[in-house]
Amino acid sequence: MAKPSAKRYALALYQLAQRESVVEKWHEQLRSCEELLGNKEFAGFLLMPKVVLSRKMDVVRQVVPDLDAMVFNLVGLLVSRDMDVSISSIMAEYQKLLDIENGLERAHVKSAIELTGPNKKSLVDQITKIVGKKIELTTEIDTSIVGGLVARVGDKIIDGSIKTKLQSLRKSLVEASLDEEP
């Protein structure tokens, strides 16, 4: 879960981007900054206490010269605060706001086997009917679920895995056997 300050930064930046009609542009710039600050060596440089902030920001400007002033200022704020809030957290919150605006819901599905094109499309169609929004699907293979699938859509989990069904059946059998004992 993101820190509250990541949500505040993302919301403030998003509202400014809406006002300036640059929501997508700043989204891409945030993604570039996320990649840059995700580099351990570069992040290490930005955290060096002996390097003054102006020098750090000069280097950021050299590496990413086309950053709009507001995104550059956000990076400067994070660097000045020793990146106590990560750009990744802000990016995730910004992405959520963008998804809401676009009527998009992200779904992550774990399945025992790889889902093929037609299976993915059918699954996207089914999830779209359930949530009433466009779906962007990511998939992952997880052999521990034996068969079926587990989908996470927003804060909802749809568990159609055989593993869960077997656990439920086992629980029912144990409860039934306890009820029969004299």
Foldseek 3Di string as FASTA:
>chain_A
DFDVVLLVLLVVVCVVCVVVVNLVVVLVVLVVVLVQCVPVVLLVVLLDPVDDLVVNLVVVCVVVVPDDPSSSVVVSVCSVVSNPGPSVSNSVSNVVVVCVVQQEKEKEKEFQDDQDDVRVVVVQVVVCVVPVGRYDYDYHYDNVLVGDMWMQIPNDIDDPGVNVVVVVVVVVVVVVVVVPDD
